[in-house]
């Protein structure tokens, strides 16, 4: 799997939310400034050629749906993020949140409790 660009991710998020949608419906949910209709259509077709999106045909109109599951892409993206920024180390990631994001003692205890549940 390859990392999607910003617009591809935006379209996938919209399709995950809609479950099925026409290009017009996808475009309506995009943030401003919205790209032209033809741009969205091209991106959706590219996602389809990558095997991430499928469609149902209604004459010349297509209703698109995600093939790639949100959870699978989330897992891939997070693993890639962790590898690129924290050397794949969960402890470095957690250390970052504790030091840089200033987690409160309550938040740290909540994380510890979650870790204990999973162990």
N, C-alpha and C. Protein backbone atom coordinates (compact mmCIF):
# COMPACT_ATOMS: atom_id res chain seq x y z
N UNK A 1 0.85 -1.17 0.00
CA UNK A 1 0.00 0.00 0.00
C UNK A 1 0.90 1.24 0.00
N UNK A 2 0.44 2.27 -0.70
CA UNK A 2 1.21 3.50 -0.71
C UNK A 2 0.45 4.60 0.01
N UNK A 3 1.19 5.57 0.51
CA UNK A 3 0.60 6.71 1.22
C UNK A 3 -0.20 7.54 0.23
N UNK A 4 -1.40 7.91 0.63
CA UNK A 4 -2.26 8.74 -0.21
C UNK A 4 -1.90 10.21 0.02
N UNK A 5 -2.09 11.02 -1.02
CA UNK A 5 -1.87 12.45 -0.83
C UNK A 5 -3.08 13.06 -0.11
N UNK A 6 -2.98 14.34 0.21
CA UNK A 6 -4.00 15.01 1.02
C UNK A 6 -5.40 14.90 0.41
N UNK A 7 -5.54 15.19 -0.87
CA UNK A 7 -6.86 15.15 -1.51
C UNK A 7 -7.40 13.72 -1.61
N UNK A 8 -6.52 12.77 -1.88
CA UNK A 8 -6.94 11.36 -1.93
C UNK A 8 -7.46 10.94 -0.56
N UNK A 9 -6.75 11.32 0.50
CA UNK A 9 -7.21 10.98 1.86
C UNK A 9 -8.54 11.65 2.17
N UNK A 10 -8.68 12.90 1.77
CA UNK A 10 -9.94 13.61 2.02
C UNK A 10 -11.11 12.89 1.33
N UNK A 11 -10.90 12.47 0.11
CA UNK A 11 -11.96 11.76 -0.62
C UNK A 11 -12.25 10.41 0.03
N UNK A 12 -11.21 9.70 0.45
CA UNK A 12 -11.44 8.41 1.13
C UNK A 12 -12.21 8.63 2.44
N UNK A 13 -11.86 9.65 3.21
CA UNK A 13 -12.58 9.93 4.47
C UNK A 13 -14.06 10.19 4.17
N UNK A 14 -14.33 10.93 3.12
CA UNK A 14 -15.72 11.22 2.75
C UNK A 14 -16.44 9.93 2.35
N UNK A 15 -15.78 9.09 1.55
CA UNK A 15 -16.42 7.83 1.14
C UNK A 15 -16.62 6.90 2.33
N UNK A 16 -15.69 6.87 3.27
CA UNK A 16 -15.89 6.04 4.47
C UNK A 16 -17.11 6.53 5.24
N UNK A 17 -17.31 7.83 5.26
CA UNK A 17 -18.45 8.40 5.96
C UNK A 17 -19.76 8.13 5.20
N UNK A 18 -19.73 8.36 3.90
CA UNK A 18 -20.94 8.18 3.08
C UNK A 18 -21.29 6.70 2.88
N UNK A 19 -20.28 5.87 2.83
CA UNK A 19 -20.37 4.45 2.46
C UNK A 19 -20.51 4.28 0.94
N UNK A 20 -21.34 5.09 0.31
CA UNK A 20 -21.49 5.12 -1.14
C UNK A 20 -21.82 6.55 -1.54
N UNK A 21 -21.23 7.01 -2.66
CA UNK A 21 -21.54 8.37 -3.06
C UNK A 21 -21.16 8.68 -4.49
N UNK A 22 -21.89 9.60 -5.07
CA UNK A 22 -21.59 10.11 -6.40
C UNK A 22 -20.55 11.22 -6.25
N UNK A 23 -19.85 11.53 -7.34
CA UNK A 23 -18.83 12.58 -7.30
C UNK A 23 -19.42 13.88 -6.76
N UNK A 24 -20.62 14.21 -7.16
CA UNK A 24 -21.27 15.44 -6.71
C UNK A 24 -21.41 15.45 -5.18
N UNK A 25 -21.77 14.32 -4.60
CA UNK A 25 -21.93 14.23 -3.15
C UNK A 25 -20.57 14.34 -2.44
N UNK A 26 -19.55 13.74 -3.05
CA UNK A 26 -18.20 13.85 -2.48
C UNK A 26 -17.77 15.32 -2.50
N UNK A 27 -17.96 15.97 -3.63
CA UNK A 27 -17.56 17.36 -3.79
C UNK A 27 -18.27 18.27 -2.78
N UNK A 28 -19.55 18.01 -2.53
CA UNK A 28 -20.32 18.82 -1.58
C UNK A 28 -19.72 18.78 -0.18
N UNK A 29 -19.09 17.67 0.19
CA UNK A 29 -18.55 17.50 1.54
C UNK A 29 -17.09 17.93 1.67
N UNK A 30 -16.48 18.29 0.57
CA UNK A 30 -15.07 18.70 0.61
C UNK A 30 -14.95 20.09 1.21
N UNK A 31 -13.79 20.34 1.82
CA UNK A 31 -13.54 21.64 2.44
C UNK A 31 -13.18 22.67 1.38
N UNK A 32 -13.42 23.93 1.73
CA UNK A 32 -13.07 25.04 0.84
C UNK A 32 -11.56 25.25 0.86
N UNK A 33 -10.96 25.66 -0.19
CA UNK A 33 -11.53 25.85 -1.51
C UNK A 33 -11.73 24.49 -2.20
N UNK A 34 -12.91 24.29 -2.73
CA UNK A 34 -13.24 23.01 -3.35
C UNK A 34 -12.61 22.94 -4.74
N UNK A 35 -12.07 21.76 -5.06
CA UNK A 35 -11.51 21.60 -6.40
C UNK A 35 -12.63 21.48 -7.44
N UNK A 36 -12.31 21.64 -8.71
CA UNK A 36 -13.33 21.46 -9.75
C UNK A 36 -13.86 20.02 -9.76
N UNK A 37 -15.08 19.87 -10.23
CA UNK A 37 -15.74 18.57 -10.34
C UNK A 37 -14.85 17.56 -11.06
N UNK A 38 -14.28 17.97 -12.20
CA UNK A 38 -13.45 17.05 -12.99
C UNK A 38 -12.22 16.58 -12.23
N UNK A 39 -11.68 17.42 -11.38
CA UNK A 39 -10.52 17.03 -10.56
C UNK A 39 -10.92 15.94 -9.58
N UNK A 40 -12.05 16.13 -8.91
CA UNK A 40 -12.53 15.13 -7.96
C UNK A 40 -12.81 13.82 -8.69
N UNK A 41 -13.45 13.91 -9.84
CA UNK A 41 -13.74 12.73 -10.63
C UNK A 41 -12.45 11.99 -11.01
N UNK A 42 -11.43 12.73 -11.41
CA UNK A 42 -10.15 12.11 -11.78
C UNK A 42 -9.50 11.42 -10.58
N UNK A 43 -9.56 12.07 -9.42
CA UNK A 43 -8.96 11.47 -8.22
C UNK A 43 -9.70 10.20 -7.84
N UNK A 44 -11.01 10.23 -7.91
CA UNK A 44 -11.80 9.03 -7.58
C UNK A 44 -11.46 7.89 -8.54
N UNK A 45 -11.34 8.20 -9.83
CA UNK A 45 -10.98 7.16 -10.80
C UNK A 45 -9.57 6.64 -10.54
N UNK A 46 -8.66 7.52 -10.11
CA UNK A 46 -7.30 7.07 -9.76
C UNK A 46 -7.36 6.12 -8.56
N UNK A 47 -8.14 6.48 -7.55
CA UNK A 47 -8.31 5.60 -6.38
C UNK A 47 -8.90 4.26 -6.80
N UNK A 48 -9.79 4.30 -7.76
CA UNK A 48 -10.38 3.06 -8.28
C UNK A 48 -9.32 2.22 -8.99
N UNK A 49 -8.49 2.87 -9.79
CA UNK A 49 -7.44 2.12 -10.52
C UNK A 49 -6.42 1.52 -9.55
N UNK A 50 -6.29 2.12 -8.36
CA UNK A 50 -5.39 1.60 -7.33
C UNK A 50 -6.04 0.45 -6.55
N UNK A 51 -7.32 0.19 -6.81
CA UNK A 51 -8.03 -0.88 -6.12
C UNK A 51 -8.58 -0.47 -4.77
N UNK A 52 -8.65 0.82 -4.50
CA UNK A 52 -9.10 1.31 -3.20
C UNK A 52 -10.57 1.69 -3.18
N UNK A 53 -11.13 1.91 -4.38
CA UNK A 53 -12.52 2.32 -4.53
C UNK A 53 -13.15 1.48 -5.64
N UNK A 54 -14.42 1.16 -5.47
CA UNK A 54 -15.18 0.47 -6.51
C UNK A 54 -16.37 1.33 -6.91
N UNK A 55 -17.14 0.87 -7.88
CA UNK A 55 -18.32 1.65 -8.26
C UNK A 55 -19.46 0.75 -8.72
N UNK A 56 -20.65 1.31 -8.61
CA UNK A 56 -21.86 0.73 -9.19
C UNK A 56 -22.24 1.67 -10.33
N UNK A 57 -22.53 1.10 -11.50
CA UNK A 57 -22.86 1.92 -12.66
C UNK A 57 -24.37 2.08 -12.79
N UNK A 58 -24.78 3.29 -13.08
CA UNK A 58 -26.17 3.63 -13.37
C UNK A 58 -26.17 4.37 -14.69
N UNK A 59 -26.12 3.63 -15.79
CA UNK A 59 -25.94 4.25 -17.10
C UNK A 59 -24.54 4.83 -17.17
N UNK A 60 -24.45 6.13 -17.45
CA UNK A 60 -23.16 6.80 -17.53
C UNK A 60 -22.69 7.34 -16.17
N UNK A 61 -23.54 7.21 -15.16
CA UNK A 61 -23.22 7.72 -13.83
C UNK A 61 -22.68 6.59 -12.96
N UNK A 62 -21.74 6.93 -12.10
CA UNK A 62 -21.16 5.94 -11.20
C UNK A 62 -21.33 6.38 -9.75
N UNK A 63 -21.72 5.43 -8.92
CA UNK A 63 -21.75 5.67 -7.47
C UNK A 63 -20.58 4.89 -6.89
N UNK A 64 -19.70 5.59 -6.19
CA UNK A 64 -18.46 5.01 -5.70
C UNK A 64 -18.58 4.57 -4.25
N UNK A 65 -17.79 3.58 -3.90
CA UNK A 65 -17.75 3.07 -2.53
C UNK A 65 -16.32 2.64 -2.20
N UNK A 66 -15.95 2.74 -0.92
CA UNK A 66 -14.58 2.36 -0.55
C UNK A 66 -14.40 0.85 -0.52
N UNK A 67 -13.32 0.40 -1.06
CA UNK A 67 -12.90 -1.00 -0.92
C UNK A 67 -11.91 -1.09 0.24
N UNK A 68 -10.99 -0.13 0.28
CA UNK A 68 -10.02 -0.05 1.37
C UNK A 68 -10.76 0.29 2.66
N UNK A 69 -10.59 -0.53 3.67
CA UNK A 69 -11.24 -0.29 4.95
C UNK A 69 -10.48 0.79 5.72
N UNK A 70 -11.22 1.66 6.36
CA UNK A 70 -10.64 2.77 7.13
C UNK A 70 -9.63 2.25 8.17
N UNK A 71 -9.97 1.18 8.85
CA UNK A 71 -9.10 0.64 9.89
C UNK A 71 -7.77 0.16 9.31
N UNK A 72 -7.81 -0.43 8.13
CA UNK A 72 -6.58 -0.90 7.49
C UNK A 72 -5.68 0.26 7.11
N UNK A 73 -6.28 1.32 6.57
CA UNK A 73 -5.47 2.48 6.19
C UNK A 73 -4.94 3.20 7.42
N UNK A 74 -5.75 3.28 8.47
CA UNK A 74 -5.30 3.90 9.72
C UNK A 74 -4.10 3.16 10.28
N UNK A 75 -4.17 1.85 10.28
CA UNK A 75 -3.06 1.04 10.80
C UNK A 75 -1.80 1.26 9.96
N UNK A 76 -1.94 1.23 8.64
CA UNK A 76 -0.80 1.45 7.75
C UNK A 76 -0.21 2.84 7.96
N UNK A 77 -1.07 3.87 8.01
CA UNK A 77 -0.61 5.24 8.16
C UNK A 77 0.10 5.45 9.50
N UNK A 78 -0.46 4.89 10.54
CA UNK A 78 0.15 5.07 11.85
C UNK A 78 1.48 4.36 11.94
N UNK A 79 1.56 3.14 11.41
CA UNK A 79 2.84 2.42 11.42
C UNK A 79 3.89 3.19 10.63
N UNK A 80 3.51 3.75 9.51
CA UNK A 80 4.43 4.54 8.70
C UNK A 80 4.87 5.79 9.46
N UNK A 81 3.92 6.47 10.08
CA UNK A 81 4.21 7.66 10.88
C UNK A 81 5.18 7.32 12.01
N UNK A 82 4.89 6.25 12.73
CA UNK A 82 5.73 5.86 13.86
C UNK A 82 7.13 5.49 13.40
N UNK A 83 7.23 4.81 12.29
CA UNK A 83 8.54 4.43 11.76
C UNK A 83 9.33 5.67 11.31
N UNK A 84 8.67 6.57 10.62
CA UNK A 84 9.35 7.75 10.08
C UNK A 84 9.76 8.75 11.15
N UNK A 85 8.96 8.90 12.20
CA UNK A 85 9.22 9.96 13.17
C UNK A 85 9.73 9.46 14.52
N UNK A 86 9.53 8.18 14.82
CA UNK A 86 9.93 7.66 16.12
C UNK A 86 10.72 6.36 16.01
N UNK A 87 11.27 6.11 14.83
CA UNK A 87 12.09 4.91 14.63
C UNK A 87 11.35 3.62 14.93
N UNK A 88 10.04 3.65 14.83
CA UNK A 88 9.24 2.45 15.10
C UNK A 88 9.10 2.12 16.57
N UNK A 89 9.53 3.02 17.43
CA UNK A 89 9.55 2.76 18.87
C UNK A 89 8.32 3.33 19.57
N UNK A 90 7.45 2.46 20.10
CA UNK A 90 6.30 2.95 20.86
C UNK A 90 6.72 3.76 22.09
N UNK A 91 7.83 3.39 22.72
CA UNK A 91 8.27 4.13 23.90
C UNK A 91 8.71 5.54 23.53
N UNK A 92 9.35 5.71 22.37
CA UNK A 92 9.71 7.07 21.93
C UNK A 92 8.46 7.89 21.64
N UNK A 93 7.46 7.26 21.07
CA UNK A 93 6.20 7.94 20.80
C UNK A 93 5.54 8.39 22.10
N UNK A 94 5.45 7.50 23.05
CA UNK A 94 4.85 7.82 24.33
C UNK A 94 5.65 8.91 25.05
N UNK A 95 6.97 8.80 25.00
CA UNK A 95 7.84 9.80 25.60
C UNK A 95 7.58 11.18 24.99
N UNK A 96 7.39 11.22 23.69
CA UNK A 96 7.09 12.48 23.02
C UNK A 96 5.82 13.10 23.60
N UNK A 97 4.77 12.29 23.73
CA UNK A 97 3.52 12.82 24.25
C UNK A 97 3.64 13.30 25.69
N UNK A 98 4.42 12.58 26.47
CA UNK A 98 4.59 12.98 27.87
C UNK A 98 5.38 14.28 27.96
N UNK A 99 6.48 14.38 27.20
CA UNK A 99 7.35 15.55 27.29
C UNK A 99 6.86 16.75 26.50
N UNK A 100 6.47 16.53 25.25
CA UNK A 100 6.15 17.64 24.36
C UNK A 100 4.68 18.06 24.41
N UNK A 101 3.80 17.12 24.58
CA UNK A 101 2.38 17.43 24.60
C UNK A 101 1.86 17.61 26.02
N UNK A 102 2.77 17.45 26.98
CA UNK A 102 2.47 17.72 28.40
C UNK A 102 1.23 16.99 28.88
N UNK A 103 1.25 15.65 28.74
CA UNK A 103 0.14 14.86 29.25
C UNK A 103 0.03 15.06 30.76
N UNK A 104 -1.19 15.15 31.22
CA UNK A 104 -1.42 15.30 32.67
C UNK A 104 -1.21 13.95 33.35
N UNK A 105 -0.97 13.97 34.66
CA UNK A 105 -0.86 12.70 35.40
C UNK A 105 -2.09 11.81 35.22
N UNK A 106 -3.26 12.44 35.13
CA UNK A 106 -4.49 11.66 34.94
C UNK A 106 -4.49 10.96 33.59
N UNK A 107 -4.05 11.68 32.55
CA UNK A 107 -3.98 11.08 31.21
C UNK A 107 -2.95 9.96 31.17
N UNK A 108 -1.83 10.13 31.85
CA UNK A 108 -0.81 9.08 31.91
C UNK A 108 -1.35 7.86 32.63
N UNK A 109 -2.06 8.07 33.73
CA UNK A 109 -2.66 6.94 34.45
C UNK A 109 -3.70 6.22 33.60
N UNK A 110 -4.45 6.99 32.83
CA UNK A 110 -5.44 6.37 31.95
C UNK A 110 -4.74 5.50 30.90
N UNK A 111 -3.64 5.99 30.34
CA UNK A 111 -2.87 5.19 29.37
C UNK A 111 -2.31 3.93 30.02
N UNK A 112 -1.78 4.07 31.25
CA UNK A 112 -1.24 2.91 31.96
C UNK A 112 -2.33 1.87 32.20
N UNK A 113 -3.51 2.32 32.56
CA UNK A 113 -4.63 1.40 32.78
C UNK A 113 -5.00 0.68 31.49
N UNK A 114 -4.99 1.40 30.37
CA UNK A 114 -5.27 0.77 29.08
C UNK A 114 -4.21 -0.28 28.75
N UNK A 115 -2.95 0.05 29.03
CA UNK A 115 -1.86 -0.90 28.77
C UNK A 115 -2.02 -2.15 29.64
N UNK A 116 -2.42 -1.98 30.87
CA UNK A 116 -2.60 -3.12 31.76
C UNK A 116 -3.73 -4.02 31.28
N UNK A 117 -4.78 -3.42 30.74
CA UNK A 117 -5.91 -4.19 30.21
C UNK A 117 -5.48 -5.07 29.03
N UNK A 118 -4.60 -4.52 28.20
CA UNK A 118 -4.15 -5.21 26.99
C UNK A 118 -3.10 -6.28 27.28
N UNK A 119 -2.43 -6.18 28.40
CA UNK A 119 -1.35 -7.12 28.72
C UNK A 119 -1.86 -8.46 29.18
